[in-house]
PDB file of N, CA and C in Angstrom:
ATOM      1  N   MET A   1       9.707 -24.818   0.080  1.00  0.00           N
ATOM      2  CA  MET A   1       9.487 -23.408   0.297  1.00  0.00           C
ATOM      3  C   MET A   1      10.723 -22.639  -0.145  1.00  0.00           C
ATOM      4  N   ILE A   2      10.521 -21.558  -0.876  1.00  0.00           N
ATOM      5  CA  ILE A   2      11.637 -20.724  -1.324  1.00  0.00           C
ATOM      6  C   ILE A   2      11.977 -19.661  -0.297  1.00  0.00           C
ATOM      7  N   GLY A   3      10.973 -19.061   0.306  1.00  0.00           N
ATOM      8  CA  GLY A   3      11.222 -17.989   1.259  1.00  0.00           C
ATOM      9  C   GLY A   3       9.931 -17.531   1.894  1.00  0.00           C
ATOM     10  N   SER A   4       9.970 -16.360   2.529  1.00  0.00           N
ATOM     11  CA  SER A   4       8.779 -15.801   3.170  1.00  0.00           C
ATOM     12  C   SER A   4       8.596 -14.356   2.719  1.00  0.00           C
ATOM     13  N   ILE A   5       7.390 -13.854   2.881  1.00  0.00           N
ATOM     14  CA  ILE A   5       7.075 -12.481   2.473  1.00  0.00           C
ATOM     15  C   ILE A   5       7.874 -11.509   3.326  1.00  0.00           C
ATOM     16  N   ASP A   6       8.618 -10.632   2.677  1.00  0.00           N
ATOM     17  CA  ASP A   6       9.359  -9.582   3.369  1.00  0.00           C
ATOM     18  C   ASP A   6       8.495  -8.340   3.503  1.00  0.00           C
ATOM     19  N   GLU A   7       7.803  -7.999   2.430  1.00  0.00           N
ATOM     20  CA  GLU A   7       6.937  -6.831   2.404  1.00  0.00           C
ATOM     21  C   GLU A   7       6.041  -6.918   1.178  1.00  0.00           C
ATOM     22  N   VAL A   8       4.968  -6.161   1.191  1.00  0.00           N
ATOM     23  CA  VAL A   8       4.104  -6.009   0.024  1.00  0.00           C
ATOM     24  C   VAL A   8       4.347  -4.591  -0.472  1.00  0.00           C
ATOM     25  N   VAL A   9       4.652  -4.450  -1.766  1.00  0.00           N
ATOM     26  CA  VAL A   9       5.017  -3.154  -2.333  1.00  0.00           C
ATOM     27  C   VAL A   9       3.943  -2.695  -3.306  1.00  0.00           C
ATOM     28  N   ILE A  10       3.523  -1.449  -3.152  1.00  0.00           N
ATOM     29  CA  ILE A  10       2.539  -0.844  -4.048  1.00  0.00           C
ATOM     30  C   ILE A  10       3.219   0.278  -4.821  1.00  0.00           C
ATOM     31  N   ASP A  11       3.179   0.189  -6.147  1.00  0.00           N
ATOM     32  CA  ASP A  11       3.697   1.269  -6.994  1.00  0.00           C
ATOM     33  C   ASP A  11       2.736   2.447  -6.925  1.00  0.00           C
ATOM     34  N   CYS A  12       3.283   3.665  -6.915  1.00  0.00           N
ATOM     35  CA  CYS A  12       2.417   4.829  -6.783  1.00  0.00           C
ATOM     36  C   CYS A  12       3.147   6.100  -7.217  1.00  0.00           C
ATOM     37  N   ALA A  13       2.409   7.194  -7.290  1.00  0.00           N
ATOM     38  CA  ALA A  13       2.985   8.497  -7.622  1.00  0.00           C
ATOM     39  C   ALA A  13       3.424   9.249  -6.371  1.00  0.00           C
ATOM     40  N   GLN A  14       2.685   9.080  -5.271  1.00  0.00           N
ATOM     41  CA  GLN A  14       2.954   9.831  -4.044  1.00  0.00           C
ATOM     42  C   GLN A  14       3.080   8.885  -2.852  1.00  0.00           C
ATOM     43  N   PRO A  15       4.253   8.297  -2.653  1.00  0.00           N
ATOM     44  CA  PRO A  15       4.413   7.312  -1.585  1.00  0.00           C
ATOM     45  C   PRO A  15       4.115   7.860  -0.194  1.00  0.00           C
ATOM     46  N   GLU A  16       4.460   9.104   0.080  1.00  0.00           N
ATOM     47  CA  GLU A  16       4.196   9.678   1.400  1.00  0.00           C
ATOM     48  C   GLU A  16       2.693   9.745   1.684  1.00  0.00           C
ATOM     49  N   VAL A  17       1.911  10.131   0.667  1.00  0.00           N
ATOM     50  CA  VAL A  17       0.458  10.243   0.825  1.00  0.00           C
ATOM     51  C   VAL A  17      -0.163   8.873   1.071  1.00  0.00           C
ATOM     52  N   LEU A  18       0.249   7.870   0.285  1.00  0.00           N
ATOM     53  CA  LEU A  18      -0.334   6.536   0.463  1.00  0.00           C
ATOM     54  C   LEU A  18       0.100   5.900   1.778  1.00  0.00           C
ATOM     55  N   ALA A  19       1.348   6.095   2.191  1.00  0.00           N
ATOM     56  CA  ALA A  19       1.790   5.541   3.476  1.00  0.00           C
ATOM     57  C   ALA A  19       0.965   6.139   4.618  1.00  0.00           C
ATOM     58  N   ALA A  20       0.699   7.430   4.562  1.00  0.00           N
ATOM     59  CA  ALA A  20      -0.113   8.077   5.601  1.00  0.00           C
ATOM     60  C   ALA A  20      -1.548   7.546   5.572  1.00  0.00           C
ATOM     61  N   PHE A  21      -2.121   7.393   4.374  1.00  0.00           N
ATOM     62  CA  PHE A  21      -3.485   6.865   4.242  1.00  0.00           C
ATOM     63  C   PHE A  21      -3.575   5.469   4.845  1.00  0.00           C
ATOM     64  N   TRP A  22      -2.681   4.561   4.422  1.00  0.00           N
ATOM     65  CA  TRP A  22      -2.752   3.178   4.885  1.00  0.00           C
ATOM     66  C   TRP A  22      -2.405   3.048   6.365  1.00  0.00           C
ATOM     67  N   ALA A  23      -1.569   3.920   6.904  1.00  0.00           N
ATOM     68  CA  ALA A  23      -1.304   3.911   8.342  1.00  0.00           C
ATOM     69  C   ALA A  23      -2.574   4.238   9.113  1.00  0.00           C
ATOM     70  N   ARG A  24      -3.397   5.151   8.580  1.00  0.00           N
ATOM     71  CA  ARG A  24      -4.662   5.485   9.247  1.00  0.00           C
ATOM     72  C   ARG A  24      -5.685   4.353   9.099  1.00  0.00           C
ATOM     73  N   VAL A  25      -5.620   3.609   7.999  1.00  0.00           N
ATOM     74  CA  VAL A  25      -6.545   2.489   7.796  1.00  0.00           C
ATOM     75  C   VAL A  25      -6.145   1.282   8.657  1.00  0.00           C
ATOM     76  N   LEU A  26      -4.866   0.928   8.650  1.00  0.00           N
ATOM     77  CA  LEU A  26      -4.418  -0.320   9.267  1.00  0.00           C
ATOM     78  C   LEU A  26      -3.678  -0.170  10.592  1.00  0.00           C
ATOM     79  N   GLY A  27      -3.279   1.044  10.934  1.00  0.00           N
ATOM     80  CA  GLY A  27      -2.456   1.256  12.121  1.00  0.00           C
ATOM     81  C   GLY A  27      -0.989   1.305  11.743  1.00  0.00           C
ATOM     82  N   GLY A  28      -0.168   1.678  12.694  1.00  0.00           N
ATOM     83  CA  GLY A  28       1.257   1.857  12.436  1.00  0.00           C
ATOM     84  C   GLY A  28       1.546   3.294  12.056  1.00  0.00           C
ATOM     85  N   ASP A  29       2.809   3.575  11.827  1.00  0.00           N
ATOM     86  CA  ASP A  29       3.245   4.926  11.480  1.00  0.00           C
ATOM     87  C   ASP A  29       3.894   4.939  10.107  1.00  0.00           C
ATOM     88  N   PRO A  30       3.611   5.968   9.298  1.00  0.00           N
ATOM     89  CA  PRO A  30       4.303   6.076   8.013  1.00  0.00           C
ATOM     90  C   PRO A  30       5.774   6.421   8.245  1.00  0.00           C
ATOM     91  N   VAL A  31       6.658   5.721   7.537  1.00  0.00           N
ATOM     92  CA  VAL A  31       8.100   5.914   7.703  1.00  0.00           C
ATOM     93  C   VAL A  31       8.716   6.166   6.328  1.00  0.00           C
ATOM     94  N   GLU A  32       9.576   7.168   6.259  1.00  0.00           N
ATOM     95  CA  GLU A  32      10.264   7.491   5.005  1.00  0.00           C
ATOM     96  C   GLU A  32      11.607   6.773   4.960  1.00  0.00           C
ATOM     97  N   ARG A  33      11.802   5.939   3.934  1.00  0.00           N
ATOM     98  CA  ARG A  33      13.133   5.368   3.688  1.00  0.00           C
ATOM     99  C   ARG A  33      13.936   6.352   2.866  1.00  0.00           C
ATOM    100  N   ASP A  34      13.280   6.905   1.839  1.00  0.00           N
ATOM    101  CA  ASP A  34      13.800   8.035   1.071  1.00  0.00           C
ATOM    102  C   ASP A  34      12.601   8.677   0.387  1.00  0.00           C
ATOM    103  N   GLU A  35      12.777   9.747  -0.357  1.00  0.00           N
ATOM    104  CA  GLU A  35      11.616  10.463  -0.896  1.00  0.00           C
ATOM    105  C   GLU A  35      10.774   9.633  -1.855  1.00  0.00           C
ATOM    106  N   ALA A  36      11.341   8.573  -2.416  1.00  0.00           N
ATOM    107  CA  ALA A  36      10.599   7.743  -3.366  1.00  0.00           C
ATOM    108  C   ALA A  36      10.111   6.433  -2.748  1.00  0.00           C
ATOM    109  N   TRP A  37      10.295   6.243  -1.441  1.00  0.00           N
ATOM    110  CA  TRP A  37       9.933   4.966  -0.823  1.00  0.00           C
ATOM    111  C   TRP A  37       9.526   5.197   0.622  1.00  0.00           C
ATOM    112  N   TRP A  38       8.261   4.973   0.908  1.00  0.00           N
ATOM    113  CA  TRP A  38       7.720   5.063   2.266  1.00  0.00           C
ATOM    114  C   TRP A  38       7.125   3.718   2.621  1.00  0.00           C
ATOM    115  N   TYR A  39       6.959   3.460   3.909  1.00  0.00           N
ATOM    116  CA  TYR A  39       6.337   2.204   4.330  1.00  0.00           C
ATOM    117  C   TYR A  39       5.617   2.384   5.656  1.00  0.00           C
ATOM    118  N   VAL A  40       4.791   1.384   5.975  1.00  0.00           N
ATOM    119  CA  VAL A  40       4.102   1.296   7.257  1.00  0.00           C
ATOM    120  C   VAL A  40       4.124  -0.179   7.664  1.00  0.00           C
ATOM    121  N   VAL A  41       4.260  -0.436   8.956  1.00  0.00           N
ATOM    122  CA  VAL A  41       4.207  -1.799   9.468  1.00  0.00           C
ATOM    123  C   VAL A  41       2.964  -1.900  10.351  1.00  0.00           C
ATOM    124  N   PRO A  42       1.842  -2.342   9.771  1.00  0.00           N
ATOM    125  CA  PRO A  42       0.612  -2.465  10.554  1.00  0.00           C
ATOM    126  C   PRO A  42       0.769  -3.519  11.651  1.00  0.00           C
ATOM    127  N   PRO A  43       0.169  -3.301  12.827  1.00  0.00           N
ATOM    128  CA  PRO A  43       0.255  -4.292  13.899  1.00  0.00           C
ATOM    129  C   PRO A  43      -0.222  -5.669  13.418  1.00  0.00           C
ATOM    130  N   GLY A  44       0.589  -6.673  13.677  1.00  0.00           N
ATOM    131  CA  GLY A  44       0.208  -8.043  13.352  1.00  0.00           C
ATOM    132  C   GLY A  44       0.312  -8.412  11.883  1.00  0.00           C
ATOM    133  N   TRP A  45       0.975  -7.581  11.079  1.00  0.00           N
ATOM    134  CA  TRP A  45       1.068  -7.885   9.648  1.00  0.00           C
ATOM    135  C   TRP A  45       2.440  -7.527   9.129  1.00  0.00           C
ATOM    136  N   THR A  46       2.706  -7.802   7.870  1.00  0.00           N
ATOM    137  CA  THR A  46       3.999  -7.513   7.262  1.00  0.00           C
ATOM    138  C   THR A  46       4.084  -6.055   6.811  1.00  0.00           C
ATOM    139  N   GLN A  47       5.262  -5.640   6.477  1.00  0.00           N
ATOM    140  CA  GLN A  47       5.487  -4.266   6.012  1.00  0.00           C
ATOM    141  C   GLN A  47       4.759  -4.012   4.701  1.00  0.00           C
ATOM    142  N   LEU A  48       4.083  -2.887   4.624  1.00  0.00           N
ATOM    143  CA  LEU A  48       3.392  -2.446   3.417  1.00  0.00           C
ATOM    144  C   LEU A  48       4.158  -1.223   2.915  1.00  0.00           C
ATOM    145  N   SER A  49       4.751  -1.345   1.726  1.00  0.00           N
ATOM    146  CA  SER A  49       5.633  -0.297   1.210  1.00  0.00           C
ATOM    147  C   SER A  49       5.040   0.374  -0.021  1.00  0.00           C
ATOM    148  N   PHE A  50       5.459   1.610  -0.246  1.00  0.00           N
ATOM    149  CA  PHE A  50       4.949   2.431  -1.343  1.00  0.00           C
ATOM    150  C   PHE A  50       6.138   2.992  -2.107  1.00  0.00           C
ATOM    151  N   GLN A  51       6.255   2.561  -3.347  1.00  0.00           N
ATOM    152  CA  GLN A  51       7.393   2.879  -4.186  1.00  0.00           C
ATOM    153  C   GLN A  51       6.967   3.818  -5.306  1.00  0.00           C
ATOM    154  N   GLN A  52       7.627   4.953  -5.414  1.00  0.00           N
ATOM    155  CA  GLN A  52       7.284   5.911  -6.458  1.00  0.00           C
ATOM    156  C   GLN A  52       7.728   5.382  -7.821  1.00  0.00           C
ATOM    157  N   VAL A  53       6.807   5.423  -8.779  1.00  0.00           N
ATOM    158  CA  VAL A  53       7.099   5.034 -10.158  1.00  0.00           C
ATOM    159  C   VAL A  53       6.589   6.131 -11.088  1.00  0.00           C
ATOM    160  N   PRO A  54       7.152   6.245 -12.291  1.00  0.00           N
ATOM    161  CA  PRO A  54       6.715   7.311 -13.198  1.00  0.00           C
ATOM    162  C   PRO A  54       5.390   7.028 -13.902  1.00  0.00           C
ATOM    163  N   GLU A  55       5.006   5.755 -14.025  1.00  0.00           N
ATOM    164  CA  GLU A  55       3.784   5.403 -14.738  1.00  0.00           C
ATOM    165  C   GLU A  55       2.567   5.661 -13.864  1.00  0.00           C
ATOM    166  N   VAL A  56       1.443   5.991 -14.490  1.00  0.00           N
ATOM    167  CA  VAL A  56       0.181   6.127 -13.764  1.00  0.00           C
ATOM    168  C   VAL A  56      -0.575   4.808 -13.828  1.00  0.00           C
ATOM    169  N   LYS A  57      -1.451   4.580 -12.879  1.00  0.00           N
ATOM    170  CA  LYS A  57      -2.292   3.388 -12.883  1.00  0.00           C
ATOM    171  C   LYS A  57      -3.311   3.522 -14.006  1.00  0.00           C
ATOM    172  N   THR A  58      -3.453   2.468 -14.816  1.00  0.00           N
ATOM    173  CA  THR A  58      -4.381   2.554 -15.948  1.00  0.00           C
ATOM    174  C   THR A  58      -5.429   1.438 -15.969  1.00  0.00           C
ATOM    175  N   VAL A  59      -5.208   0.354 -15.244  1.00  0.00           N
ATOM    176  CA  VAL A  59      -6.157  -0.761 -15.260  1.00  0.00           C
ATOM    177  C   VAL A  59      -6.378  -1.277 -13.842  1.00  0.00           C
ATOM    178  N   LYS A  60      -7.285  -2.236 -13.711  1.00  0.00           N
ATOM    179  CA  LYS A  60      -7.585  -2.840 -12.412  1.00  0.00           C
ATOM    180  C   LYS A  60      -6.354  -3.533 -11.840  1.00  0.00           C
ATOM    181  N   ASN A  61      -6.222  -3.451 -10.505  1.00  0.00           N
ATOM    182  CA  ASN A  61      -5.125  -4.145  -9.819  1.00  0.00           C
ATOM    183  C   ASN A  61      -5.219  -5.648 -10.069  1.00  0.00           C
ATOM    184  N   ARG A  62      -4.078  -6.300 -10.132  1.00  0.00           N
ATOM    185  CA  ARG A  62      -4.040  -7.760 -10.180  1.00  0.00           C
ATOM    186  C   ARG A  62      -3.986  -8.340  -8.766  1.00  0.00           C
ATOM    187  N   VAL A  63      -3.567  -7.536  -7.801  1.00  0.00           N
ATOM    188  CA  VAL A  63      -3.514  -7.923  -6.391  1.00  0.00           C
ATOM    189  C   VAL A  63      -4.144  -6.780  -5.600  1.00  0.00           C
ATOM    190  N   HIS A  64      -4.937  -7.122  -4.580  1.00  0.00           N
ATOM    191  CA  HIS A  64      -5.495  -6.063  -3.737  1.00  0.00           C
ATOM    192  C   HIS A  64      -5.557  -6.541  -2.294  1.00  0.00           C
ATOM    193  N   LEU A  65      -5.738  -5.601  -1.378  1.00  0.00           N
ATOM    194  CA  LEU A  65      -5.850  -5.924   0.044  1.00  0.00           C
ATOM    195  C   LEU A  65      -7.307  -6.053   0.433  1.00  0.00           C
ATOM    196  N   ASP A  66      -7.622  -7.049   1.239  1.00  0.00           N
ATOM    197  CA  ASP A  66      -8.923  -7.194   1.887  1.00  0.00           C
ATOM    198  C   ASP A  66      -8.710  -6.894   3.360  1.00  0.00           C
ATOM    199  N   VAL A  67      -9.444  -5.935   3.882  1.00  0.00           N
ATOM    200  CA  VAL A  67      -9.314  -5.530   5.277  1.00  0.00           C
ATOM    201  C   VAL A  67     -10.549  -6.017   6.032  1.00  0.00           C
ATOM    202  N   ARG A  68     -10.345  -6.926   6.978  1.00  0.00           N
ATOM    203  CA  ARG A  68     -11.451  -7.499   7.758  1.00  0.00           C
ATOM    204  C   ARG A  68     -11.982  -6.453   8.729  1.00  0.00           C
ATOM    205  N   VAL A  69     -13.313  -6.289   8.751  1.00  0.00           N
ATOM    206  CA  VAL A  69     -13.963  -5.316   9.638  1.00  0.00           C
ATOM    207  C   VAL A  69     -15.188  -5.959  10.284  1.00  0.00           C
ATOM    208  N   HIS A  70     -15.703  -5.317  11.331  1.00  0.00           N
ATOM    209  CA  HIS A  70     -16.911  -5.807  12.002  1.00  0.00           C
ATOM    210  C   HIS A  70     -18.175  -5.226  11.376  1.00  0.00           C
ATOM    211  N   ASP A  71     -18.058  -4.017  10.802  1.00  0.00           N
ATOM    212  CA  ASP A  71     -19.216  -3.320  10.239  1.00  0.00           C
ATOM    213  C   ASP A  71     -18.788  -2.672   8.927  1.00  0.00           C
ATOM    214  N   ILE A  72     -19.254  -3.229   7.818  1.00  0.00           N
ATOM    215  CA  ILE A  72     -18.830  -2.742   6.504  1.00  0.00           C
ATOM    216  C   ILE A  72     -19.207  -1.287   6.279  1.00  0.00           C
ATOM    217  N   GLU A  73     -20.418  -0.907   6.589  1.00  0.00           N
ATOM    218  CA  GLU A  73     -20.841   0.475   6.328  1.00  0.00           C
ATOM    219  C   GLU A  73     -20.046   1.461   7.171  1.00  0.00           C
ATOM    220  N   ALA A  74     -19.879   1.169   8.449  1.00  0.00           N
ATOM    221  CA  ALA A  74     -19.109   2.070   9.318  1.00  0.00           C
ATOM    222  C   ALA A  74     -17.662   2.173   8.845  1.00  0.00           C
ATOM    223  N   ALA A  75     -17.057   1.042   8.471  1.00  0.00           N
ATOM    224  CA  ALA A  75     -15.679   1.052   7.988  1.00  0.00           C
ATOM    225  C   ALA A  75     -15.568   1.820   6.676  1.00  0.00           C
ATOM    226  N   THR A  76     -16.568   1.672   5.815  1.00  0.00           N
ATOM    227  CA  THR A  76     -16.563   2.392   4.538  1.00  0.00           C
ATOM    228  C   THR A  76     -16.632   3.896   4.768  1.00  0.00           C
ATOM    229  N   VAL A  77     -17.493   4.324   5.654  1.00  0.00           N
ATOM    230  CA  VAL A  77     -17.610   5.755   5.969  1.00  0.00           C
ATOM    231  C   VAL A  77     -16.299   6.275   6.547  1.00  0.00           C
ATOM    232  N   GLN A  78     -15.670   5.515   7.437  1.00  0.00           N
ATOM    233  CA  GLN A  78     -14.379   5.926   7.995  1.00  0.00           C
ATOM    234  C   GLN A  78     -13.319   6.031   6.909  1.00  0.00           C
ATOM    235  N   ALA A  79     -13.283   5.045   6.011  1.00  0.00           N
ATOM    236  CA  ALA A  79     -12.303   5.051   4.927  1.00  0.00           C
ATOM    237  C   ALA A  79     -12.525   6.243   3.998  1.00  0.00           C
ATOM    238  N   GLU A  80     -13.785   6.542   3.714  1.00  0.00           N
ATOM    239  CA  GLU A  80     -14.086   7.703   2.870  1.00  0.00           C
ATOM    240  C   GLU A  80     -13.621   8.999   3.528  1.00  0.00           C
ATOM    241  N   ALA A  81     -13.734   9.092   4.842  1.00  0.00           N
ATOM    242  CA  ALA A  81     -13.275  10.287   5.557  1.00  0.00           C
ATOM    243  C   ALA A  81     -11.753  10.442   5.451  1.00  0.00           C
ATOM    244  N   LEU A  82     -11.054   9.329   5.222  1.00  0.00           N
ATOM    245  CA  LEU A  82      -9.599   9.363   5.066  1.00  0.00           C
ATOM    246  C   LEU A  82      -9.164   9.605   3.626  1.00  0.00           C
ATOM    247  N   GLY A  83     -10.125   9.585   2.687  1.00  0.00           N
ATOM    248  CA  GLY A  83      -9.789   9.823   1.283  1.00  0.00           C
ATOM    249  C   GLY A  83     -10.088   8.683   0.343  1.00  0.00           C
ATOM    250  N   ALA A  84     -10.656   7.589   0.848  1.00  0.00           N
ATOM    251  CA  ALA A  84     -11.037   6.470  -0.022  1.00  0.00           C
ATOM    252  C   ALA A  84     -12.308   6.837  -0.785  1.00  0.00           C
ATOM    253  N   ARG A  85     -12.528   6.130  -1.879  1.00  0.00           N
ATOM    254  CA  ARG A  85     -13.764   6.294  -2.651  1.00  0.00           C
ATOM    255  C   ARG A  85     -14.447   4.942  -2.780  1.00  0.00           C
ATOM    256  N   ARG A  86     -15.769   4.940  -2.613  1.00  0.00           N
ATOM    257  CA  ARG A  86     -16.593   3.736  -2.700  1.00  0.00           C
ATOM    258  C   ARG A  86     -16.829   3.401  -4.173  1.00  0.00           C
ATOM    259  N   VAL A  87     -16.810   2.100  -4.490  1.00  0.00           N
ATOM    260  CA  VAL A  87     -17.103   1.632  -5.841  1.00  0.00           C
ATOM    261  C   VAL A  87     -18.303   0.704  -5.767  1.00  0.00           C
ATOM    262  N   GLY A  88     -19.441   1.136  -6.284  1.00  0.00           N
ATOM    263  CA  GLY A  88     -20.627   0.296  -6.310  1.00  0.00           C
ATOM    264  C   GLY A  88     -21.201   0.032  -4.937  1.00  0.00           C
ATOM    265  N   ALA A  89     -22.022  -1.008  -4.883  1.00  0.00           N
ATOM    266  CA  ALA A  89     -22.727  -1.380  -3.647  1.00  0.00           C
ATOM    267  C   ALA A  89     -21.982  -2.502  -2.941  1.00  0.00           C
ATOM    268  N   VAL A  90     -22.413  -2.801  -1.727  1.00  0.00           N
ATOM    269  CA  VAL A  90     -21.870  -3.927  -0.972  1.00  0.00           C
ATOM    270  C   VAL A  90     -22.249  -5.216  -1.700  1.00  0.00           C
ATOM    271  N   HIS A  91     -21.286  -6.112  -1.835  1.00  0.00           N
ATOM    272  CA  HIS A  91     -21.519  -7.427  -2.444  1.00  0.00           C
ATOM    273  C   HIS A  91     -21.706  -8.436  -1.320  1.00  0.00           C
ATOM    274  N   ARG A  92     -22.696  -9.318  -1.477  1.00  0.00           N
ATOM    275  CA  ARG A  92     -22.975 -10.343  -0.467  1.00  0.00           C
ATOM    276  C   ARG A  92     -23.043 -11.711  -1.142  1.00  0.00           C
ATOM    277  N   ASP A  93     -22.433 -12.712  -0.481  1.00  0.00           N
ATOM    278  CA  ASP A  93     -22.540 -14.090  -0.948  1.00  0.00           C
ATOM    279  C   ASP A  93     -22.362 -15.019   0.251  1.00  0.00           C
ATOM    280  N   ARG A  94     -22.250 -16.314   0.006  1.00  0.00           N
ATOM    281  CA  ARG A  94     -22.145 -17.285   1.104  1.00  0.00           C
ATOM    282  C   ARG A  94     -20.919 -17.064   1.972  1.00  0.00           C
ATOM    283  N   ALA A  95     -19.843 -16.510   1.403  1.00  0.00           N
ATOM    284  CA  ALA A  95     -18.600 -16.319   2.152  1.00  0.00           C
ATOM    285  C   ALA A  95     -18.658 -15.097   3.056  1.00  0.00           C
ATOM    286  N   GLY A  96     -19.606 -14.194   2.803  1.00  0.00           N
ATOM    287  CA  GLY A  96     -19.709 -12.969   3.595  1.00  0.00           C
ATOM    288  C   GLY A  96     -20.041 -11.780   2.719  1.00  0.00           C
ATOM    289  N   SER A  97     -19.577 -10.605   3.131  1.00  0.00           N
ATOM    290  CA  SER A  97     -19.884  -9.378   2.410  1.00  0.00           C
ATOM    291  C   SER A  97     -18.607  -8.562   2.227  1.00  0.00           C
ATOM    292  N   PHE A  98     -18.595  -7.737   1.172  1.00  0.00           N
ATOM    293  CA  PHE A  98     -17.457  -6.851   0.974  1.00  0.00           C
ATOM    294  C   PHE A  98     -17.876  -5.615   0.193  1.00  0.00           C
ATOM    295  N   GLN A  99     -17.130  -4.539   0.440  1.00  0.00           N
ATOM    296  CA  GLN A  99     -17.309  -3.274  -0.261  1.00  0.00           C
ATOM    297  C   GLN A  99     -15.992  -2.945  -0.939  1.00  0.00           C
ATOM    298  N   VAL A 100     -16.033  -2.712  -2.251  1.00  0.00           N
ATOM    299  CA  VAL A 100     -14.842  -2.305  -2.987  1.00  0.00           C
ATOM    300  C   VAL A 100     -14.635  -0.807  -2.773  1.00  0.00           C
ATOM    301  N   LEU A 101     -13.386  -0.437  -2.511  1.00  0.00           N
ATOM    302  CA  LEU A 101     -12.993   0.955  -2.328  1.00  0.00           C
ATOM    303  C   LEU A 101     -11.770   1.246  -3.185  1.00  0.00           C
ATOM    304  N   LEU A 102     -11.498   2.527  -3.386  1.00  0.00           N
ATOM    305  CA  LEU A 102     -10.269   2.973  -4.046  1.00  0.00           C
ATOM    306  C   LEU A 102      -9.483   3.811  -3.057  1.00  0.00           C
ATOM    307  N   ASP A 103      -8.166   3.608  -2.991  1.00  0.00           N
ATOM    308  CA  ASP A 103      -7.345   4.466  -2.143  1.00  0.00           C
ATOM    309  C   ASP A 103      -7.131   5.800  -2.865  1.00  0.00           C
ATOM    310  N   PRO A 104      -6.404   6.762  -2.287  1.00  0.00           N
ATOM    311  CA  PRO A 104      -6.267   8.073  -2.924  1.00  0.00           C
ATOM    312  C   PRO A 104      -5.667   8.068  -4.337  1.00  0.00           C
ATOM    313  N   GLU A 105      -4.965   6.987  -4.723  1.00  0.00           N
ATOM    314  CA  GLU A 105      -4.413   6.912  -6.077  1.00  0.00           C
ATOM    315  C   GLU A 105      -5.209   5.981  -6.983  1.00  0.00           C
ATOM    316  N   GLY A 106      -6.357   5.499  -6.505  1.00  0.00           N
ATOM    317  CA  GLY A 106      -7.213   4.667  -7.339  1.00  0.00           C
ATOM    318  C   GLY A 106      -6.942   3.182  -7.265  1.00  0.00           C
ATOM    319  N   ASN A 107      -6.128   2.732  -6.320  1.00  0.00           N
ATOM    320  CA  ASN A 107      -5.876   1.301  -6.147  1.00  0.00           C
ATOM    321  C   ASN A 107      -7.061   0.658  -5.438  1.00  0.00           C
ATOM    322  N   GLU A 108      -7.574  -0.431  -6.010  1.00  0.00           N
ATOM    323  CA  GLU A 108      -8.706  -1.116  -5.423  1.00  0.00           C
ATOM    324  C   GLU A 108      -8.306  -1.846  -4.142  1.00  0.00           C
ATOM    325  N   TRP A 109      -9.218  -1.853  -3.174  1.00  0.00           N
ATOM    326  CA  TRP A 109      -9.092  -2.650  -1.955  1.00  0.00           C
ATOM    327  C   TRP A 109     -10.496  -2.870  -1.429  1.00  0.00           C
ATOM    328  N   CYS A 110     -10.664  -3.754  -0.479  1.00  0.00           N
ATOM    329  CA  CYS A 110     -11.997  -4.072   0.026  1.00  0.00           C
ATOM    330  C   CYS A 110     -12.023  -4.095   1.538  1.00  0.00           C
ATOM    331  N   VAL A 111     -13.152  -3.667   2.097  1.00  0.00           N
ATOM    332  CA  VAL A 111     -13.445  -3.978   3.488  1.00  0.00           C
ATOM    333  C   VAL A 111     -14.365  -5.183   3.439  1.00  0.00           C
ATOM    334  N   VAL A 112     -14.048  -6.191   4.269  1.00  0.00           N
ATOM    335  CA  VAL A 112     -14.760  -7.457   4.192  1.00  0.00           C
ATOM    336  C   VAL A 112     -15.254  -7.878   5.569  1.00  0.00           C
ATOM    337  N   LYS A 113     -16.412  -8.538   5.573  1.00  0.00           N
ATOM    338  CA  LYS A 113     -16.938  -9.147   6.782  1.00  0.00           C
ATOM    339  C   LYS A 113     -17.318 -10.582   6.423  1.00  0.00           C
ATOM    340  N   PRO A 114     -16.491 -11.549   6.880  1.00  0.00           N
ATOM    341  CA  PRO A 114     -16.793 -12.947   6.569  1.00  0.00           C
ATOM    342  C   PRO A 114     -18.125 -13.364   7.179  1.00  0.00           C
ATOM    343  N   ALA A 115     -18.737 -14.380   6.567  1.00  0.00           N
ATOM    344  CA  ALA A 115     -20.030 -14.895   7.056  1.00  0.00           C
ATOM    345  C   ALA A 115     -19.884 -15.552   8.403  1.00  0.00           C
TER     346      ALA A 115
END
């Protein structure tokens, strides 16, 4: 083993906006380290940080968050009320179900309900 996860960092244009969004999704409080770097520490998980970068997002994420929920539709509606956008329909397979969403800057993430 080389080490352990210190934090997960998401590049973005508006770190304060994304930290506030994800704090409402996962819990915790948005915290400013400086104007270009905000973070939230969701209960029971590692620090999720938002780093301002000059580039805009242009393609699909290579890494995304899956958020476990009890009710996909209810969680999707709640996420949309916070500023998320739904992508397509709910996907179902042997492992369970998931709904792809976009955060306010277009980063993909999913609400998931395992089988």
